[in-house]
Amino acid sequence: MKNIVFIKRIFSFFTVFLIMVMYVQFPVKSAGDTEEINFQELADQIGYLVNEARTQAGLNPVYMVPYLNEVATARCRECLTDFSHDRHYLGLKDPAKGIYYKFSDMFDENFPWLAGKENIANTMRTAEATFNQWKNSPQHWANILDPQVTHLGVGVVYEPDSRPPSASEPEGYATAHWYWTQIFIKADDDPYYAREYLGWTCFDEKGNVAFEGQYMPEMYQVKPTECGDLNGDGVIDSFDLVILRQYLTKQTTLNPLQVEAADVMYDGVVSYSDLGILRGFILGKYDSLPVRLW
């Protein structure tokens, strides 16, 4: 048994040593460089907040759909140069009526939907702050709490070199580097009618409309199982050490659950001291986490 423990510690030592060598050979980014952004997690956080609000209002939650996420992301990129629900760069859809193209014109002709709504926002860099923007706007909030909508797509784009302001917009818009879009649709009004008369084929085993890959969003994609387990795989090893170092050198971000797991000294602060303690645990210097040094 002692031999097995010794071998594990030797293996951990060489693993950590190799990681340190890699950081010497391949310098990390400076603190001023752009952090790695998990856009999918930010989009899912918006979806989670939407469903939380709908549940509190006594409404059914909505499914997120990968295809709608793609459309919403494309709309975010359009908003970089034209922050509007009207897609002006395409010109008029109906010159006689003065009608512009809308987000729904981006849908594939075979995509089944009955009605749709769009929320757009910019400036804020977190899901919570952006959601509060919509919450404080009666029309946007009405879209979020519309009892008829069934599915949702969310797009998030960060562009450090976002567009210059147009003649009709204030100078401040030029620095709105974050862009967010929600696309709500109404799909399963009457599954029988949709199947028999509209020709829809996207149904689950219960006969309800179900789009490919649809899912219920969660607030965080990564959920640590214990202190030190930053990647949520249930094992505390060198991969967690790499993530913590990347976080400290501002190469990546951590969600609140990961930050809590990274505080291996349990002092309320994540620092290089935690990195040293985590390295020591992996090498067998400490038997458990968290480690309190005073």
Protein backbone atom coordinates (compact mmCIF):
# COMPACT_ATOMS: atom_id res chain seq x y z
CA MET A 1 0.00 0.00 0.00
CA LYS A 2 2.84 2.36 0.91
CA ASN A 3 4.51 1.62 -2.43
CA ILE A 4 1.33 2.58 -4.29
CA VAL A 5 1.05 5.88 -2.42
CA PHE A 6 4.74 6.57 -3.10
CA ILE A 7 4.33 5.87 -6.82
CA LYS A 8 1.29 8.16 -7.02
CA ARG A 9 3.21 10.97 -5.36
CA ILE A 10 6.15 10.53 -7.71
CA PHE A 11 3.80 10.59 -10.70
CA SER A 12 2.08 13.74 -9.39
CA PHE A 13 5.44 15.42 -8.83
CA PHE A 14 6.57 14.83 -12.40
CA THR A 15 3.18 15.90 -13.78
CA VAL A 16 3.35 19.20 -11.92
CA PHE A 17 7.00 19.61 -12.92
CA LEU A 18 6.14 19.16 -16.60
CA ILE A 19 3.34 21.73 -16.32
CA MET A 20 5.74 24.25 -14.78
CA VAL A 21 8.22 23.59 -17.60
CA MET A 22 5.48 24.20 -20.17
CA TYR A 23 4.73 27.59 -18.62
CA VAL A 24 8.41 28.50 -18.82
CA GLN A 25 8.66 27.41 -22.45
CA PHE A 26 5.35 28.95 -23.44
CA PRO A 27 4.82 32.21 -21.50
CA VAL A 28 1.29 32.94 -20.34
CA LYS A 29 -0.65 35.96 -21.50
CA SER A 30 -0.24 39.17 -19.61
CA ALA A 31 -2.98 40.45 -17.33
CA GLY A 32 -3.93 43.03 -19.94
CA ASP A 33 -4.80 40.47 -22.60
CA THR A 34 -8.38 39.46 -23.34
CA GLU A 35 -9.69 36.68 -21.12
CA GLU A 36 -11.12 33.54 -22.64
CA ILE A 37 -14.90 33.99 -22.68
CA ASN A 38 -17.37 31.12 -22.44
CA PHE A 39 -20.11 32.57 -24.64
CA GLN A 40 -22.27 29.45 -24.45
CA GLU A 41 -22.34 29.62 -20.67
CA LEU A 42 -23.31 33.30 -20.82
CA ALA A 43 -26.13 32.46 -23.24
CA ASP A 44 -27.32 29.61 -21.00
CA GLN A 45 -27.26 31.93 -17.99
CA ILE A 46 -29.68 34.24 -19.80
CA GLY A 47 -31.90 31.26 -20.54
CA TYR A 48 -31.76 30.15 -16.92
CA LEU A 49 -32.73 33.63 -15.71
CA VAL A 50 -35.60 33.71 -18.20
CA ASN A 51 -36.99 30.43 -16.90
CA GLU A 52 -36.48 31.48 -13.30
CA ALA A 53 -38.57 34.61 -13.94
CA ARG A 54 -41.22 32.65 -15.85
CA THR A 55 -41.50 30.07 -13.07
CA GLN A 56 -41.92 32.80 -10.48
CA ALA A 57 -44.71 34.23 -12.64
CA GLY A 58 -46.44 30.85 -12.85
CA LEU A 59 -45.51 30.29 -16.51
CA ASN A 60 -44.03 27.27 -18.26
CA PRO A 61 -40.26 27.35 -18.85
CA VAL A 62 -38.93 27.60 -22.40
CA TYR A 63 -36.48 25.29 -24.14
CA MET A 64 -33.32 26.67 -25.67
CA VAL A 65 -32.63 25.57 -29.24
CA PRO A 66 -29.11 25.44 -30.76
CA TYR A 67 -30.37 26.66 -34.13
CA LEU A 68 -32.04 29.67 -32.53
CA ASN A 69 -28.83 30.35 -30.60
CA GLU A 70 -27.02 30.54 -33.94
CA VAL A 71 -29.59 32.95 -35.37
CA ALA A 72 -29.44 35.10 -32.23
CA THR A 73 -25.64 35.23 -32.44
CA ALA A 74 -25.87 36.31 -36.08
CA ARG A 75 -28.26 39.08 -35.01
CA CYS A 76 -25.73 40.22 -32.38
CA ARG A 77 -23.14 40.62 -35.11
CA GLU A 78 -25.57 42.65 -37.19
CA CYS A 79 -26.12 44.88 -34.16
CA LEU A 80 -22.42 45.74 -34.13
CA THR A 81 -23.06 48.07 -37.04
CA ASP A 82 -26.81 48.63 -36.78
CA PHE A 83 -28.29 48.37 -33.30
CA SER A 84 -31.90 48.08 -34.33
CA HIS A 85 -34.71 45.55 -34.71
CA ASP A 86 -34.92 46.69 -38.34
CA ARG A 87 -32.18 45.25 -40.53
CA HIS A 88 -31.49 48.50 -42.37
CA TYR A 89 -28.45 47.27 -44.27
CA LEU A 90 -30.73 45.01 -46.33
CA GLY A 91 -32.89 47.93 -47.36
CA LEU A 92 -36.66 47.86 -47.41
CA LYS A 93 -38.45 44.53 -47.59
CA ASP A 94 -41.60 46.23 -48.87
CA PRO A 95 -40.88 49.75 -50.22
CA ALA A 96 -44.58 50.43 -50.71
CA LYS A 97 -45.28 49.88 -47.01
CA GLY A 98 -41.88 51.02 -45.72
CA ILE A 99 -41.29 47.67 -44.00
CA TYR A 100 -37.75 46.56 -43.17
CA TYR A 101 -36.44 43.01 -42.88
CA LYS A 102 -36.75 41.54 -39.38
CA PHE A 103 -34.93 38.83 -37.44
CA SER A 104 -37.51 36.27 -38.54
CA ASP A 105 -36.38 36.65 -42.15
CA MET A 106 -33.18 34.88 -41.09
CA PHE A 107 -35.04 31.63 -40.33
CA ASP A 108 -34.58 28.75 -42.71
CA GLU A 109 -37.73 28.34 -44.82
CA ASN A 110 -38.23 24.85 -43.37
CA PHE A 111 -37.93 25.98 -39.76
CA PRO A 112 -41.38 25.58 -38.13
CA TRP A 113 -42.60 28.48 -36.04
CA LEU A 114 -45.86 30.33 -35.54
CA ALA A 115 -44.80 33.65 -33.97
CA GLY A 116 -41.60 35.25 -32.76
CA LYS A 117 -40.22 38.12 -30.67
CA GLU A 118 -36.77 39.65 -30.23
CA ASN A 119 -34.95 41.41 -27.40
CA ILE A 120 -31.60 43.10 -28.01
CA ALA A 121 -29.23 44.82 -25.60
CA ASN A 122 -25.68 46.09 -25.42
CA THR A 123 -23.01 47.50 -23.08
CA MET A 124 -23.32 45.15 -20.06
CA ARG A 125 -20.80 42.31 -19.78
CA THR A 126 -22.67 39.89 -17.50
CA ALA A 127 -25.85 37.91 -18.00
CA GLU A 128 -27.36 39.24 -14.78
CA ALA A 129 -26.76 42.90 -15.68
CA THR A 130 -28.11 42.43 -19.20
CA PHE A 131 -31.16 40.58 -17.91
CA ASN A 132 -31.84 43.48 -15.53
CA GLN A 133 -31.73 45.86 -18.50
CA TRP A 134 -34.54 43.89 -20.11
CA LYS A 135 -36.37 43.52 -16.79
CA ASN A 136 -36.47 47.31 -16.39
CA SER A 137 -37.96 47.76 -19.86
CA PRO A 138 -41.73 47.02 -19.96
CA GLN A 139 -41.75 45.82 -23.59
CA HIS A 140 -38.70 43.57 -23.20
CA TRP A 141 -40.05 42.18 -19.94
CA ALA A 142 -43.39 41.45 -21.61
CA ASN A 143 -41.58 39.37 -24.24
CA ILE A 144 -39.79 37.38 -21.52
CA LEU A 145 -43.06 36.70 -19.69
CA ASP A 146 -45.18 36.06 -22.78
CA PRO A 147 -47.21 32.94 -21.88
CA GLN A 148 -47.39 31.90 -25.53
CA VAL A 149 -43.66 31.47 -26.27
CA THR A 150 -42.20 27.97 -26.03
CA HIS A 151 -38.60 28.14 -27.27
CA LEU A 152 -35.67 30.52 -26.99
CA GLY A 153 -32.37 31.32 -28.66
CA VAL A 154 -29.69 33.52 -27.08
CA GLY A 155 -26.67 35.11 -28.72
CA VAL A 156 -23.74 36.88 -27.04
CA VAL A 157 -20.93 38.71 -28.85
CA TYR A 158 -17.96 40.66 -27.51
CA GLU A 159 -16.23 42.94 -29.99
CA PRO A 160 -13.46 45.20 -28.58
CA ASP A 161 -13.38 47.18 -31.84
CA SER A 162 -17.13 47.70 -32.12
CA ARG A 163 -18.67 50.08 -34.60
CA PRO A 164 -18.40 53.86 -34.66
CA PRO A 165 -21.62 55.66 -33.76
CA SER A 166 -24.01 56.49 -36.54
CA ALA A 167 -25.40 59.98 -37.02
CA SER A 168 -28.54 59.09 -35.06
CA GLU A 169 -26.79 57.53 -32.05
CA PRO A 170 -24.86 59.09 -29.17
CA GLU A 171 -21.10 58.79 -28.91
CA GLY A 172 -21.39 56.31 -26.07
CA TYR A 173 -22.58 53.58 -28.40
CA ALA A 174 -19.09 53.32 -29.87
CA THR A 175 -17.83 51.68 -26.68
CA ALA A 176 -20.69 49.21 -26.24
CA HIS A 177 -18.48 46.17 -26.80
CA TRP A 178 -21.01 43.57 -25.57
CA TYR A 179 -24.09 42.65 -27.59
CA TRP A 180 -26.90 40.32 -26.53
CA THR A 181 -29.95 38.95 -28.37
CA GLN A 182 -32.93 36.87 -27.29
CA ILE A 183 -35.19 35.29 -29.90
CA PHE A 184 -38.44 33.83 -28.60
CA ILE A 185 -40.75 31.73 -30.74
CA LYS A 186 -44.15 30.13 -30.33
CA ALA A 187 -44.10 26.59 -31.68
CA ASP A 188 -46.47 24.06 -30.14
CA ASP A 189 -49.84 25.82 -30.30
CA ASP A 190 -51.63 22.70 -31.45
CA PRO A 191 -49.40 19.68 -32.21
CA TYR A 192 -52.18 17.88 -34.09
CA TYR A 193 -52.80 20.89 -36.34
CA ALA A 194 -49.07 21.39 -36.79
CA ARG A 195 -48.61 17.77 -37.88
CA GLU A 196 -51.70 17.30 -40.01
CA TYR A 197 -52.07 20.71 -41.64
CA LEU A 198 -48.68 22.44 -41.40
CA GLY A 199 -46.63 19.34 -42.13
CA TRP A 200 -44.34 19.67 -39.11
CA THR A 201 -42.29 16.59 -38.28
CA CYS A 202 -40.37 17.73 -35.17
CA PHE A 203 -42.17 15.96 -32.34
CA ASP A 204 -41.05 13.98 -29.31
CA GLU A 205 -42.44 10.64 -28.13
CA LYS A 206 -45.28 12.46 -26.33
CA GLY A 207 -46.35 14.27 -29.48
CA ASN A 208 -45.05 17.69 -28.42
CA VAL A 209 -43.02 19.91 -30.73
CA ALA A 210 -39.33 19.24 -30.09
CA PHE A 211 -36.48 20.83 -32.01
CA GLU A 212 -33.16 19.10 -32.56
CA GLY A 213 -30.87 19.49 -29.57
CA GLN A 214 -33.34 21.52 -27.49
CA TYR A 215 -32.46 21.68 -23.80
CA MET A 216 -33.27 23.28 -20.49
CA PRO A 217 -30.49 25.77 -19.67
CA GLU A 218 -28.51 25.67 -16.45
CA MET A 219 -26.84 28.63 -14.78
CA TYR A 220 -23.35 27.12 -14.93
CA GLN A 221 -21.88 24.50 -17.26
CA VAL A 222 -19.10 23.53 -14.83
CA LYS A 223 -20.09 22.41 -11.34
CA PRO A 224 -17.21 21.48 -9.01
CA THR A 225 -17.86 18.47 -6.80
CA GLU A 226 -15.48 19.51 -3.99
CA CYS A 227 -12.86 22.04 -2.95
CA GLY A 228 -10.05 22.10 -5.53
CA ASP A 229 -12.06 20.43 -8.30
CA LEU A 230 -12.16 23.40 -10.67
CA ASN A 231 -13.17 21.54 -13.84
CA GLY A 232 -15.97 19.56 -12.19
CA ASP A 233 -14.71 16.11 -13.16
CA GLY A 234 -14.67 14.82 -9.58
CA VAL A 235 -10.86 14.52 -9.47
CA ILE A 236 -8.35 17.04 -8.10
CA ASP A 237 -5.34 16.88 -10.35
CA SER A 238 -2.98 18.85 -12.58
CA PHE A 239 -5.81 19.92 -14.87
CA ASP A 240 -7.31 21.89 -11.99
CA LEU A 241 -3.88 23.41 -11.33
CA VAL A 242 -3.69 24.62 -14.93
CA ILE A 243 -7.16 26.19 -14.72
CA LEU A 244 -6.30 28.02 -11.51
CA ARG A 245 -3.07 29.39 -12.97
CA GLN A 246 -4.93 30.53 -16.10
CA TYR A 247 -7.47 32.29 -13.89
CA LEU A 248 -4.80 34.06 -11.86
CA THR A 249 -3.04 35.22 -15.06
CA LYS A 250 -6.38 36.39 -16.49
CA GLN A 251 -6.39 33.90 -19.36
CA THR A 252 -9.80 32.55 -18.41
CA THR A 253 -12.75 33.24 -16.16
CA LEU A 254 -14.37 31.09 -13.49
CA ASN A 255 -18.00 30.92 -12.54
CA PRO A 256 -18.90 31.57 -8.86
CA LEU A 257 -18.96 27.85 -8.05
CA GLN A 258 -15.46 27.44 -9.49
CA VAL A 259 -14.19 30.48 -7.61
CA GLU A 260 -15.47 28.95 -4.37
CA ALA A 261 -13.72 25.66 -5.20
CA ALA A 262 -10.50 27.54 -6.06
CA ASP A 263 -10.34 29.10 -2.59
CA VAL A 264 -8.44 26.11 -1.19
CA MET A 265 -7.18 28.19 1.77
CA TYR A 266 -10.78 29.06 2.66
CA ASP A 267 -9.91 32.69 3.32
CA GLY A 268 -12.36 34.29 0.91
CA VAL A 269 -9.68 35.25 -1.62
CA VAL A 270 -8.31 33.34 -4.61
CA SER A 271 -4.61 34.09 -4.97
CA TYR A 272 -1.25 32.55 -5.80
CA SER A 273 -1.23 31.18 -2.26
CA ASP A 274 -4.15 28.94 -3.29
CA LEU A 275 -2.12 27.85 -6.31
CA GLY A 276 0.71 26.80 -4.01
CA ILE A 277 -1.62 24.91 -1.69
CA LEU A 278 -3.30 23.13 -4.59
CA ARG A 279 0.08 22.16 -6.01
CA GLY A 280 1.09 20.88 -2.57
CA PHE A 281 -2.08 18.79 -2.30
CA ILE A 282 -1.49 17.21 -5.72
CA LEU A 283 2.10 16.39 -4.68
CA GLY A 284 0.88 14.79 -1.46
CA LYS A 285 2.04 17.48 0.94
CA TYR A 286 -1.49 17.96 2.26
CA ASP A 287 -4.00 15.20 2.95
CA SER A 288 -7.18 17.19 2.37
CA LEU A 289 -8.64 20.49 1.20
CA PRO A 290 -9.28 23.19 2.20
CA VAL A 291 -6.06 23.90 4.08
CA ARG A 292 -6.11 26.55 6.82
CA LEU A 293 -2.63 27.82 7.65
CA TRP A 294 -3.73 29.76 10.74
